[in-house]
Amino acid sequence: MSQTSIPWQSLSEDALLGVVEDFVTREGTDYGGVAFELQDKGSQVLAQLQRNEAVIVFDAELDSCSIVQSDAVLDVDPTTVQK
């Protein structure tokens, strides 16, 4: 597994919003039984990033970014995590 944690603060505002928008519009993203507007979903994800409850992860093998819960980062190779 070749994943790298990307600090949300290191991205430009446009790049951050693009990653968040891509994440919240993915098929299968689960928000429970309540329907939310895309803007609300994006705001929730940004808040989770700011509270360090979620992190942006880049997978070099898949050449893609994702947002995962912080406790899931234990699966990331510690030699590649950026601080």
Protein backbone atom coordinates (compact mmCIF):
# COMPACT_ATOMS: atom_id res chain seq x y z
CA MET A 1 0.00 0.00 0.00
CA SER A 2 1.51 3.32 -1.03
CA GLN A 3 -0.60 6.03 0.58
CA THR A 4 0.47 9.47 1.73
CA SER A 5 -1.44 11.68 4.13
CA ILE A 6 -1.82 15.21 2.76
CA PRO A 7 -2.40 17.99 5.30
CA TRP A 8 -5.49 19.93 4.19
CA GLN A 9 -3.70 23.19 5.09
CA SER A 10 -1.05 22.49 2.42
CA LEU A 11 -3.59 22.65 -0.41
CA SER A 12 -4.75 25.82 -2.12
CA GLU A 13 -8.36 26.72 -1.41
CA ASP A 14 -9.36 25.67 -4.94
CA ALA A 15 -7.56 22.32 -4.65
CA LEU A 16 -9.06 21.63 -1.22
CA LEU A 17 -12.58 22.43 -2.40
CA GLY A 18 -12.02 20.25 -5.47
CA VAL A 19 -10.94 17.26 -3.36
CA VAL A 20 -13.90 17.75 -1.00
CA GLU A 21 -16.36 18.14 -3.90
CA ASP A 22 -15.00 15.02 -5.58
CA PHE A 23 -15.36 13.11 -2.33
CA VAL A 24 -18.93 14.17 -1.52
CA THR A 25 -20.18 13.52 -5.06
CA ARG A 26 -18.81 9.97 -5.26
CA GLU A 27 -21.30 7.20 -5.71
CA GLY A 28 -21.71 5.27 -2.48
CA THR A 29 -20.56 7.99 -0.06
CA ASP A 30 -22.62 7.22 3.03
CA TYR A 31 -24.15 9.95 5.16
CA GLY A 32 -26.60 7.72 6.99
CA GLY A 33 -30.36 7.81 6.58
CA VAL A 34 -30.60 11.60 6.26
CA ALA A 35 -30.33 13.35 2.90
CA PHE A 36 -28.03 16.39 2.78
CA GLU A 37 -27.45 18.99 0.09
CA LEU A 38 -24.01 18.87 -1.56
CA GLN A 39 -23.01 22.17 0.04
CA ASP A 40 -23.93 20.81 3.49
CA LYS A 41 -21.95 17.63 2.84
CA GLY A 42 -18.93 19.67 1.78
CA SER A 43 -19.18 21.89 4.85
CA GLN A 44 -19.35 18.84 7.11
CA VAL A 45 -16.28 17.28 5.48
CA LEU A 46 -14.31 20.54 5.72
CA ALA A 47 -15.21 20.81 9.41
CA GLN A 48 -14.05 17.22 10.00
CA LEU A 49 -10.73 18.01 8.29
CA GLN A 50 -10.30 21.14 10.41
CA ARG A 51 -11.04 19.19 13.61
CA ASN A 52 -8.55 16.47 12.53
CA GLU A 53 -11.36 13.91 12.50
CA ALA A 54 -10.66 13.21 8.81
CA VAL A 55 -7.56 13.35 6.60
CA ILE A 56 -6.85 13.55 2.90
CA VAL A 57 -4.96 10.53 1.61
CA PHE A 58 -3.27 10.18 -1.77
CA ASP A 59 -2.88 6.65 -3.14
CA ALA A 60 0.05 6.54 -5.59
CA GLU A 61 -0.93 3.14 -6.95
CA LEU A 62 -4.43 4.33 -7.84
CA ASP A 63 -3.31 7.91 -8.57
CA SER A 64 -6.25 9.25 -6.58
CA CYS A 65 -7.15 11.17 -3.43
CA SER A 66 -9.68 10.23 -0.81
CA ILE A 67 -10.82 11.51 2.54
CA VAL A 68 -10.84 9.03 5.39
CA GLN A 69 -11.48 9.11 9.11
CA SER A 70 -8.33 9.94 11.04
CA ASP A 71 -8.27 6.62 12.85
CA ALA A 72 -8.11 4.87 9.46
CA VAL A 73 -4.72 6.50 8.79
CA LEU A 74 -3.13 3.77 10.87
CA ASP A 75 -3.07 1.84 7.59
CA VAL A 76 -0.89 4.49 5.93
CA ASP A 77 2.81 3.78 5.63
CA PRO A 78 4.30 5.90 8.46
CA THR A 79 7.42 6.65 6.40
CA THR A 80 5.30 8.56 3.88
CA VAL A 81 3.06 10.59 6.20
CA GLN A 82 3.67 14.31 5.81
CA LYS A 83 3.35 16.57 8.84
